[in-house]
Amino acid sequence: MIRARLFDADGSDREVPLEAGLADTIKERQLLWIDLLGRDPGDLQTVAAAAGIGDELRGRLGEERGRAQLTQYPDHIHLVLMAMEADGDNASDHAASLNATELDLVAGHNWVVTVHEGEMATLDRVGEAAHRDTQFGALDAAGFLASIVDETLTSYLGLAEAIEREIDRLDERALRTRPRDDILASIVKLRRRIGTIRRTLAPHRLAFAALARPEMELHEELGRPWPALTDRLDRTIDAIESLRDLLLGTYDIHMGRSAQQANEIMKRLTLLSAILLPAVVLAGVMGMNFKVGFFENADVFWLVVGVMAVFALSMFTAARWRGWL
């Protein structure tokens, strides 16, 4: 499916039909956005004819690269982004899979082509912003490309915020954990999720660094991308990497809580041993095989049992008074 929209700062935005050489008819203060859903060769041929894209680039658009990169051509650039979104409403849910979608952007003089598989919430948000802004046509191709890149990075920040909320919930679970509550397994799953996001995002550094190189000055007709784009990427990567530190804090809380529970168990076992120790000693003494008349008196049995009970009760009372229980 192909969608072509013309943003006109001096008129009204409108859908336009695709025809060969359409990009050459775009005037100043106008911006053409061609969005191609899928990589059908026939559709690519139609888009290429409208935007003036060569056969070599058209072939590249027909194949997914699987990694962020930037390629420069004499009169346009080709930027590959890896956009990541989560299924469902909860981005931090372990059951919600992370979908990394390749987004190809080709920017020329006052026109931008986007190619991707399946619907993308990132582009939907860009489209909604364009509908609200009547001066969107005043943007040059580089400015519009920067808007798409910024919205892509925003989606990564959304994933980071969702995972941070999940880490907060894990902290609460770790503090009031139950014996059967497997916190450690949840920590491992969340760590894998963070690693997947970081491995997808980190390669964008090379592509974004290329946007700031001096040779980009040769594409003056495209405009200059937002200069803070690289800083925005670095802050996004830092936000993802900080999740690891937060998760390590959750692990420390879990291990500290586990150690505290183990100490509580050991304290109770030690106290139980201390309470039973006098009774064990008395039972051992009274069980000696010596011919003593004291042992032949049956009433002594109840006396010994009473002494055992007094000792146990005394130890228990002392433990409660000292706060050991």
Protein backbone atom coordinates (compact mmCIF):
# COMPACT_ATOMS: atom_id res chain seq x y z
CA MET A 1 0.00 0.00 0.00
CA ILE A 2 1.32 3.44 -0.96
CA ARG A 3 0.32 6.69 0.71
CA ALA A 4 1.47 10.01 -0.73
CA ARG A 5 0.74 13.25 1.08
CA LEU A 6 1.76 16.77 0.11
CA PHE A 7 2.25 19.25 2.96
CA ASP A 8 1.78 22.81 1.71
CA ALA A 9 2.65 25.67 4.09
CA ASP A 10 0.91 28.19 1.81
CA GLY A 11 -2.15 26.09 1.05
CA SER A 12 -3.86 22.96 2.28
CA ASP A 13 -2.32 19.56 2.88
CA ARG A 14 -3.69 16.87 0.60
CA GLU A 15 -3.28 13.38 -0.72
CA VAL A 16 -1.74 13.26 -4.17
CA PRO A 17 -1.64 10.50 -6.80
CA LEU A 18 1.74 9.00 -7.60
CA GLU A 19 3.08 9.59 -11.07
CA ALA A 20 6.51 9.61 -12.64
CA GLY A 21 8.55 12.73 -11.85
CA LEU A 22 6.24 13.86 -9.04
CA ALA A 23 9.16 14.87 -6.78
CA ASP A 24 10.42 17.32 -9.43
CA THR A 25 7.17 19.27 -9.28
CA ILE A 26 7.40 20.01 -5.55
CA LYS A 27 7.76 23.74 -4.86
CA GLU A 28 9.39 25.59 -2.00
CA ARG A 29 7.42 25.54 1.26
CA GLN A 30 6.03 22.18 0.16
CA LEU A 31 7.03 18.74 1.38
CA LEU A 32 6.08 15.41 -0.18
CA TRP A 33 5.88 12.32 2.02
CA ILE A 34 5.55 8.94 0.31
CA ASP A 35 4.94 6.07 2.71
CA LEU A 36 5.24 2.55 1.31
CA LEU A 37 3.80 -0.29 3.36
CA GLY A 38 5.62 -3.45 2.27
CA ARG A 39 8.42 -4.10 -0.20
CA ASP A 40 6.53 -5.25 -3.26
CA PRO A 41 8.75 -4.81 -6.36
CA GLY A 42 5.91 -3.24 -8.34
CA ASP A 43 5.16 -0.69 -5.62
CA LEU A 44 8.87 0.07 -5.27
CA GLN A 45 9.07 0.71 -8.99
CA THR A 46 6.16 3.15 -8.76
CA VAL A 47 7.72 5.00 -5.82
CA ALA A 48 11.13 5.08 -7.48
CA ALA A 49 9.67 6.61 -10.63
CA ALA A 50 7.83 9.28 -8.63
CA ALA A 51 10.84 10.23 -6.49
CA GLY A 52 13.58 9.73 -9.07
CA ILE A 53 15.26 6.90 -7.17
CA GLY A 54 17.83 4.87 -9.10
CA ASP A 55 17.81 1.14 -9.66
CA GLU A 56 20.64 0.49 -7.18
CA LEU A 57 18.83 2.18 -4.29
CA ARG A 58 15.51 0.65 -5.34
CA GLY A 59 17.15 -2.77 -5.02
CA ARG A 60 18.42 -1.89 -1.55
CA LEU A 61 14.94 -0.82 -0.48
CA GLY A 62 13.60 -4.20 -1.55
CA GLU A 63 15.80 -5.99 0.99
CA GLU A 64 15.96 -5.53 4.73
CA ARG A 65 19.44 -4.72 6.05
CA GLY A 66 18.68 -5.59 9.68
CA ARG A 67 20.96 -2.83 11.00
CA ALA A 68 20.99 0.97 11.21
CA GLN A 69 23.15 2.65 8.56
CA LEU A 70 23.45 5.74 6.38
CA THR A 71 24.26 5.83 2.65
CA GLN A 72 24.81 9.05 0.70
CA TYR A 73 23.90 9.58 -2.95
CA PRO A 74 24.54 12.64 -5.15
CA ASP A 75 21.12 14.21 -4.56
CA HIS A 76 19.60 12.24 -1.69
CA ILE A 77 20.46 10.12 1.34
CA HIS A 78 19.29 6.71 2.53
CA LEU A 79 18.95 6.21 6.28
CA VAL A 80 18.02 2.84 7.81
CA LEU A 81 16.50 2.85 11.30
CA MET A 82 15.50 -0.04 13.52
CA ALA A 83 12.27 0.94 15.26
CA MET A 84 11.23 -1.16 18.24
CA GLU A 85 7.71 -1.50 19.61
CA ALA A 86 6.06 -3.94 21.99
CA ASP A 87 2.92 -5.95 21.40
CA GLY A 88 0.03 -5.09 23.66
CA ASP A 89 -0.45 -2.15 26.00
CA ASN A 90 2.21 -3.08 28.56
CA ALA A 91 5.67 -2.74 27.03
CA SER A 92 7.34 -4.35 30.07
CA ASP A 93 5.12 -7.42 30.13
CA HIS A 94 7.19 -10.57 29.66
CA ALA A 95 4.46 -12.02 27.46
CA ALA A 96 4.52 -9.00 25.13
CA SER A 97 7.13 -9.63 22.46
CA LEU A 98 9.40 -6.87 21.21
CA ASN A 99 9.15 -6.21 17.48
CA ALA A 100 12.12 -4.63 15.74
CA THR A 101 10.96 -3.18 12.42
CA GLU A 102 13.35 -1.86 9.80
CA LEU A 103 12.41 1.61 8.59
CA ASP A 104 14.08 2.88 5.40
CA LEU A 105 14.07 6.64 4.87
CA VAL A 106 15.14 8.25 1.61
CA ALA A 107 15.34 12.06 1.67
CA GLY A 108 15.73 14.31 -1.36
CA HIS A 109 14.92 17.92 -2.14
CA ASN A 110 11.59 18.58 -0.36
CA TRP A 111 10.56 14.92 -0.44
CA VAL A 112 10.89 11.95 1.90
CA VAL A 113 10.13 8.28 1.21
CA THR A 114 9.58 5.79 4.03
CA VAL A 115 9.51 2.04 3.43
CA HIS A 116 8.59 -0.53 6.08
CA GLU A 117 6.76 -3.78 6.70
CA GLY A 118 3.48 -3.59 8.61
CA GLU A 119 1.87 -0.70 10.42
CA MET A 120 4.12 1.40 12.66
CA ALA A 121 2.88 3.41 15.61
CA THR A 122 5.93 5.67 15.23
CA LEU A 123 4.90 6.86 11.77
CA ASP A 124 1.27 7.12 12.88
CA ARG A 125 2.33 9.60 15.56
CA VAL A 126 4.35 11.59 13.02
CA GLY A 127 1.32 11.66 10.73
CA GLU A 128 -0.95 12.87 13.53
CA ALA A 129 1.50 15.66 14.38
CA ALA A 130 1.62 16.65 10.70
CA HIS A 131 -2.18 16.88 10.54
CA ARG A 132 -2.23 19.20 13.56
CA ASP A 133 0.54 21.48 12.26
CA THR A 134 -0.61 23.51 9.25
CA GLN A 135 2.95 24.78 8.63
CA PHE A 136 4.48 21.34 8.28
CA GLY A 137 5.23 22.01 4.62
CA ALA A 138 7.77 24.66 5.64
CA LEU A 139 10.07 21.90 6.85
CA ASP A 140 12.84 20.76 4.55
CA ALA A 141 13.54 17.07 3.95
CA ALA A 142 16.21 16.95 6.66
CA GLY A 143 13.85 18.50 9.21
CA PHE A 144 11.11 15.99 8.44
CA LEU A 145 13.65 13.14 8.58
CA ALA A 146 14.80 14.42 11.98
CA SER A 147 11.16 14.39 13.18
CA ILE A 148 10.81 10.72 12.25
CA VAL A 149 14.14 9.86 13.90
CA ASP A 150 13.17 11.74 17.05
CA GLU A 151 9.83 9.93 17.23
CA THR A 152 11.67 6.61 16.79
CA LEU A 153 13.94 7.43 19.73
CA THR A 154 10.87 8.46 21.73
CA SER A 155 9.46 4.96 21.26
CA TYR A 156 12.66 3.55 22.81
CA LEU A 157 12.28 5.93 25.74
CA GLY A 158 8.71 4.68 26.14
CA LEU A 159 10.03 1.13 26.42
CA ALA A 160 12.59 2.30 28.99
CA GLU A 161 9.90 3.98 31.11
CA ALA A 162 7.71 0.88 31.01
CA ILE A 163 10.61 -1.34 32.07
CA GLU A 164 11.50 1.09 34.84
CA ARG A 165 7.95 0.77 36.19
CA GLU A 166 8.29 -3.01 36.05
CA ILE A 167 11.57 -2.77 38.01
CA ASP A 168 9.79 -0.72 40.67
CA ARG A 169 7.16 -3.45 40.93
CA LEU A 170 9.93 -6.05 41.23
CA ASP A 171 11.46 -4.04 44.08
CA GLU A 172 8.16 -4.18 45.95
CA ARG A 173 7.86 -7.92 45.31
CA ALA A 174 11.43 -8.44 46.51
CA LEU A 175 10.72 -6.60 49.77
CA ARG A 176 7.64 -8.66 50.59
CA THR A 177 8.60 -11.82 48.75
CA ARG A 178 6.95 -15.13 49.50
CA PRO A 179 8.87 -18.41 49.50
CA ARG A 180 7.36 -19.43 46.14
CA ASP A 181 7.73 -16.01 44.46
CA ASP A 182 10.52 -16.47 41.89
CA ILE A 183 11.96 -12.97 41.73
CA LEU A 184 15.26 -14.12 40.26
CA ALA A 185 13.60 -15.57 37.15
CA SER A 186 11.78 -12.27 36.56
CA ILE A 187 15.06 -10.37 36.90
CA VAL A 188 16.74 -12.59 34.30
CA LYS A 189 13.87 -12.17 31.83
CA LEU A 190 13.87 -8.40 32.26
CA ARG A 191 17.66 -8.27 31.83
CA ARG A 192 17.35 -10.13 28.52
CA ARG A 193 14.68 -7.65 27.44
CA ILE A 194 16.95 -4.71 28.24
CA GLY A 195 19.82 -6.36 26.37
CA THR A 196 17.67 -6.85 23.28
CA ILE A 197 16.66 -3.19 23.25
CA ARG A 198 20.23 -1.98 23.71
CA ARG A 199 21.65 -4.22 20.98
CA THR A 200 19.04 -2.87 18.58
CA LEU A 201 19.58 0.78 19.52
CA ALA A 202 23.38 0.98 19.85
CA PRO A 203 24.25 0.58 16.10
CA HIS A 204 22.40 3.84 15.40
CA ARG A 205 25.47 5.68 16.72
CA LEU A 206 27.37 5.09 13.47
CA ALA A 207 24.47 6.18 11.29
CA PHE A 208 23.79 9.33 13.33
CA ALA A 209 27.48 10.23 13.48
CA ALA A 210 27.53 10.14 9.68
CA LEU A 211 24.79 12.79 9.63
CA ALA A 212 27.15 15.20 11.42
CA ARG A 213 30.18 14.61 9.18
CA PRO A 214 31.46 17.51 6.99
CA GLU A 215 30.50 15.82 3.74
CA MET A 216 26.85 16.22 4.70
CA GLU A 217 27.35 19.90 3.79
CA LEU A 218 27.27 18.74 0.18
CA HIS A 219 23.54 18.06 0.56
CA GLU A 220 22.51 21.67 1.17
CA GLU A 221 19.31 21.13 -0.81
CA LEU A 222 18.20 18.60 1.84
CA GLY A 223 18.75 20.98 4.74
CA ARG A 224 20.54 20.18 7.96
CA PRO A 225 19.22 17.57 10.40
CA TRP A 226 18.46 18.64 13.92
CA PRO A 227 21.97 19.22 15.42
CA ALA A 228 21.02 17.71 18.78
CA LEU A 229 20.01 14.40 17.18
CA THR A 230 23.21 12.62 18.22
CA ASP A 231 22.88 13.93 21.78
CA ARG A 232 19.29 12.72 21.82
CA LEU A 233 20.49 9.27 20.79
CA ASP A 234 23.18 9.25 23.49
CA ARG A 235 20.62 10.18 26.15
CA THR A 236 18.33 7.42 24.93
CA ILE A 237 21.14 4.85 25.10
CA ASP A 238 22.06 6.11 28.58
CA ALA A 239 18.43 5.68 29.65
CA ILE A 240 18.50 2.06 28.45
CA GLU A 241 21.85 1.35 30.10
CA SER A 242 20.69 2.89 33.40
CA LEU A 243 18.01 0.18 33.52
CA ARG A 244 20.78 -2.36 34.12
CA ASP A 245 21.89 -0.46 37.22
CA LEU A 246 18.30 -0.30 38.45
CA LEU A 247 17.94 -4.03 37.88
CA LEU A 248 21.16 -4.68 39.80
CA GLY A 249 19.59 -2.73 42.67
CA THR A 250 16.57 -5.04 42.49
CA TYR A 251 18.92 -8.04 42.59
CA ASP A 252 20.66 -6.61 45.67
CA ILE A 253 17.30 -6.09 47.38
CA HIS A 254 16.30 -9.66 46.53
CA MET A 255 19.57 -11.12 47.80
CA GLY A 256 19.46 -8.96 50.93
CA ARG A 257 15.88 -10.05 51.60
CA SER A 258 16.84 -13.69 51.05
CA ALA A 259 19.78 -13.33 53.45
CA GLN A 260 17.47 -11.70 56.01
CA GLN A 261 15.01 -14.58 55.73
CA ALA A 262 17.84 -17.08 56.12
CA ASN A 263 19.04 -15.22 59.22
CA GLU A 264 15.52 -15.26 60.66
CA ILE A 265 15.32 -19.02 60.14
CA MET A 266 18.74 -19.57 61.69
CA LYS A 267 17.81 -17.38 64.65
CA ARG A 268 14.66 -19.38 65.30
CA LEU A 269 16.51 -22.68 65.00
CA THR A 270 19.22 -21.43 67.38
CA LEU A 271 16.63 -20.24 69.88
CA LEU A 272 14.81 -23.57 69.65
CA SER A 273 18.10 -25.39 70.32
CA ALA A 274 18.80 -23.13 73.32
CA ILE A 275 15.33 -23.79 74.74
CA LEU A 276 15.67 -27.57 74.37
CA LEU A 277 19.30 -27.76 75.56
CA PRO A 278 18.57 -27.89 79.36
CA ALA A 279 15.99 -30.62 78.76
CA VAL A 280 18.51 -32.61 76.72
CA VAL A 281 21.13 -32.27 79.48
CA LEU A 282 18.71 -33.35 82.18
CA ALA A 283 17.47 -36.27 80.08
CA GLY A 284 21.09 -37.34 79.54
CA VAL A 285 21.92 -37.18 83.25
CA MET A 286 18.78 -39.00 84.34
CA GLY A 287 19.41 -41.68 81.74
CA MET A 288 22.79 -42.73 83.22
CA ASN A 289 23.01 -46.36 84.38
CA PHE A 290 24.18 -45.78 87.97
CA LYS A 291 22.68 -47.51 91.02
CA VAL A 292 21.53 -44.44 92.90
CA GLY A 293 18.46 -44.56 95.10
CA PHE A 294 17.41 -41.14 93.80
CA PHE A 295 16.76 -42.72 90.40
CA GLU A 296 14.55 -45.42 91.85
CA ASN A 297 11.93 -42.95 93.10
CA ALA A 298 9.12 -42.72 90.51
CA ASP A 299 8.08 -39.24 91.68
CA VAL A 300 11.41 -37.86 90.52
CA PHE A 301 10.24 -38.29 86.91
CA TRP A 302 7.62 -35.60 87.31
CA LEU A 303 10.11 -33.38 89.12
CA VAL A 304 12.54 -33.62 86.19
CA VAL A 305 9.78 -32.94 83.68
CA GLY A 306 8.78 -29.87 85.69
CA VAL A 307 12.35 -28.61 85.81
CA MET A 308 12.59 -29.06 82.00
CA ALA A 309 9.41 -27.04 81.53
CA VAL A 310 10.63 -24.28 83.86
CA PHE A 311 13.93 -23.99 82.00
CA ALA A 312 12.16 -23.92 78.59
CA LEU A 313 9.64 -21.33 79.77
CA SER A 314 12.41 -19.18 81.26
CA MET A 315 14.42 -19.25 78.01
CA PHE A 316 11.33 -18.43 75.98
CA THR A 317 10.42 -15.50 78.26
CA ALA A 318 13.97 -14.13 78.14
CA ALA A 319 13.96 -14.36 74.32
CA ARG A 320 10.68 -12.42 74.08
CA TRP A 321 11.97 -9.79 76.50
CA ARG A 322 15.18 -9.29 74.47
CA GLY A 323 13.20 -9.06 71.22
CA TRP A 324 14.63 -12.22 69.66
CA LEU A 325 11.15 -13.41 68.68
